[in-house]
Amino acid sequence: MKNFPEHSSLHRIILVDGDSQMLQMLEMFLSREYHIVTARSAEEALELMSTTEPFQAALVSFSLPGMNGLNFLLRVSEAFPQTVRILMTSSFGDMDGIVKAIREGDINRIMVKPFSMSTLLEQLRHDVAEQYVVTGTILENYLQGESND
């Protein structure tokens, strides 16, 4: 079994929500274990993701000003496939689009509001750790293949 990093504060999480109170609450809770960056819109988040170090996860509200959270995560999936993508929603307005995105791997998880912070943290830990293993395995396989040439 792979060893996970002992301290997950090295993991960067981007929180995207148009609700400043929700952003503040999530940031306050999650910053105990993660390096948190916040954005109030999909456009702002895409800019941050394109110009800074990689994010291990994107925790995104469905309801955003401008581009909705689902469309944002579809773009994140294409541009940053290693980033865990979690959609927060209080309704299932575009249920067909959400189901399709899950089936195609564009969204890793849905969190239905209201959710408990402890459940969110547990799911986030699991998803980030799982992605750490997948990314590490891909890199190991690549390097082993390269050394066999």
Protein backbone atom coordinates (compact mmCIF):
# COMPACT_ATOMS: atom_id res chain seq x y z
CA MET A 1 0.00 0.00 0.00
CA LYS A 2 1.22 3.49 -0.79
CA ASN A 3 2.06 5.92 1.97
CA PHE A 4 -0.01 9.07 2.00
CA PRO A 5 1.52 12.37 3.02
CA GLU A 6 1.28 12.70 6.79
CA HIS A 7 0.26 16.35 6.73
CA SER A 8 -2.20 17.37 4.07
CA SER A 9 -1.59 21.12 4.44
CA LEU A 10 0.56 20.81 1.32
CA HIS A 11 -2.61 20.04 -0.62
CA ARG A 12 -4.14 23.05 -2.30
CA ILE A 13 -7.90 23.31 -2.54
CA ILE A 14 -9.78 25.94 -4.51
CA LEU A 15 -13.23 26.85 -3.19
CA VAL A 16 -15.61 28.47 -5.66
CA ASP A 17 -18.91 29.90 -4.44
CA GLY A 18 -20.78 33.12 -5.12
CA ASP A 19 -21.97 33.16 -1.50
CA SER A 20 -19.28 34.92 0.52
CA GLN A 21 -20.62 33.53 3.82
CA MET A 22 -20.40 29.96 2.52
CA LEU A 23 -16.88 30.61 1.21
CA GLN A 24 -15.81 32.03 4.56
CA MET A 25 -17.30 29.11 6.50
CA LEU A 26 -15.70 26.50 4.22
CA GLU A 27 -12.36 28.27 4.28
CA MET A 28 -12.36 28.54 8.05
CA PHE A 29 -13.15 24.85 8.48
CA LEU A 30 -10.92 23.39 5.75
CA SER A 31 -7.90 25.63 6.32
CA ARG A 32 -7.03 23.54 9.38
CA GLU A 33 -5.85 20.82 7.00
CA TYR A 34 -5.47 22.35 3.56
CA HIS A 35 -4.05 25.41 1.84
CA ILE A 36 -7.25 27.15 0.71
CA VAL A 37 -7.71 29.59 -2.16
CA THR A 38 -11.14 31.11 -2.77
CA ALA A 39 -12.92 32.51 -5.81
CA ARG A 40 -16.38 34.05 -6.16
CA SER A 41 -16.88 33.08 -9.82
CA ALA A 42 -15.87 30.40 -12.31
CA GLU A 43 -13.96 32.94 -14.37
CA GLU A 44 -11.91 34.06 -11.36
CA ALA A 45 -11.23 30.43 -10.42
CA LEU A 46 -10.08 29.51 -13.93
CA GLU A 47 -7.69 32.45 -13.88
CA LEU A 48 -6.27 31.35 -10.52
CA MET A 49 -5.95 27.74 -11.65
CA SER A 50 -4.14 28.81 -14.81
CA THR A 51 -1.64 31.10 -13.13
CA THR A 52 -0.71 29.40 -9.86
CA GLU A 53 0.56 26.05 -8.63
CA PRO A 54 -1.74 23.05 -9.20
CA PHE A 55 -4.76 22.42 -7.02
CA GLN A 56 -5.44 18.94 -5.71
CA ALA A 57 -9.18 19.62 -5.48
CA ALA A 58 -11.85 22.07 -6.61
CA LEU A 59 -14.90 22.36 -4.37
CA VAL A 60 -17.49 24.25 -6.41
CA SER A 61 -21.05 25.46 -5.93
CA PHE A 62 -23.47 24.69 -8.76
CA SER A 63 -24.93 28.20 -8.52
CA LEU A 64 -22.29 30.72 -9.55
CA PRO A 65 -22.51 34.11 -11.21
CA GLY A 66 -21.87 33.70 -14.95
CA MET A 67 -20.80 30.15 -15.74
CA ASN A 68 -22.47 27.54 -13.48
CA GLY A 69 -20.47 25.09 -11.39
CA LEU A 70 -21.17 22.11 -13.66
CA ASN A 71 -19.82 23.87 -16.76
CA PHE A 72 -16.85 25.11 -14.74
CA LEU A 73 -15.99 21.57 -13.62
CA LEU A 74 -16.26 20.30 -17.20
CA ARG A 75 -13.60 22.86 -18.14
CA VAL A 76 -11.49 21.92 -15.12
CA SER A 77 -11.72 18.25 -16.12
CA GLU A 78 -10.28 19.07 -19.55
CA ALA A 79 -7.59 21.51 -18.44
CA PHE A 80 -6.63 20.01 -15.06
CA PRO A 81 -7.59 16.32 -15.09
CA GLN A 82 -5.52 15.57 -11.97
CA THR A 83 -7.69 17.91 -9.87
CA VAL A 84 -10.42 16.25 -7.81
CA ARG A 85 -13.74 17.86 -8.80
CA ILE A 86 -16.54 18.16 -6.24
CA LEU A 87 -19.85 19.85 -7.01
CA MET A 88 -21.92 21.34 -4.18
CA THR A 89 -25.60 21.76 -4.96
CA SER A 90 -28.85 22.38 -3.13
CA SER A 91 -30.96 21.35 -6.11
CA PHE A 92 -30.57 19.16 -9.13
CA GLY A 93 -31.55 21.69 -11.79
CA ASP A 94 -29.46 20.08 -14.53
CA MET A 95 -29.73 16.48 -13.35
CA ASP A 96 -29.08 15.04 -16.84
CA GLY A 97 -25.89 17.08 -17.16
CA ILE A 98 -24.74 16.15 -13.66
CA VAL A 99 -25.33 12.41 -14.22
CA LYS A 100 -23.53 12.55 -17.57
CA ALA A 101 -20.57 14.40 -16.00
CA ILE A 102 -20.29 11.80 -13.24
CA ARG A 103 -20.46 8.91 -15.69
CA GLU A 104 -17.79 10.46 -17.89
CA GLY A 105 -15.52 11.18 -14.91
CA ASP A 106 -15.80 14.96 -15.13
CA ILE A 107 -17.12 15.18 -11.55
CA ASN A 108 -15.73 13.01 -8.77
CA ARG A 109 -18.41 13.70 -6.17
CA ILE A 110 -21.59 15.65 -5.43
CA MET A 111 -22.22 17.15 -2.01
CA VAL A 112 -25.88 18.05 -1.46
CA LYS A 113 -26.39 21.18 0.64
CA PRO A 114 -26.84 21.30 3.52
CA PHE A 115 -24.06 18.87 4.42
CA SER A 116 -22.06 18.45 7.58
CA MET A 117 -18.55 19.83 7.60
CA SER A 118 -17.23 16.58 9.05
CA THR A 119 -18.74 14.62 6.14
CA LEU A 120 -17.26 17.07 3.66
CA LEU A 121 -13.83 16.78 5.27
CA GLU A 122 -14.01 12.97 5.31
CA GLN A 123 -14.99 12.85 1.62
CA LEU A 124 -12.34 15.40 0.66
CA ARG A 125 -9.62 13.46 2.51
CA HIS A 126 -10.69 10.27 0.73
CA ASP A 127 -10.85 11.83 -2.74
CA VAL A 128 -7.52 13.66 -2.44
CA ALA A 129 -5.78 10.55 -1.07
CA GLU A 130 -7.24 8.43 -3.87
CA GLN A 131 -6.06 10.91 -6.49
CA TYR A 132 -2.62 10.93 -4.86
CA VAL A 133 -2.40 7.14 -5.35
CA VAL A 134 -3.66 7.29 -8.96
CA THR A 135 -1.29 10.10 -9.93
CA GLY A 136 1.64 8.37 -8.20
CA THR A 137 0.89 5.07 -9.93
CA ILE A 138 0.71 6.74 -13.35
CA LEU A 139 4.03 8.48 -12.73
CA GLU A 140 5.65 5.25 -11.48
CA ASN A 141 4.45 3.34 -14.54
CA TYR A 142 5.72 6.07 -16.85
CA LEU A 143 9.13 6.18 -15.18
CA GLN A 144 9.43 2.37 -15.19
CA GLY A 145 8.55 2.28 -18.88
CA GLU A 146 11.10 5.00 -19.56
CA SER A 147 13.85 3.12 -17.70
CA ASN A 148 13.07 -0.08 -19.65
CA ASP A 149 13.76 1.65 -22.98
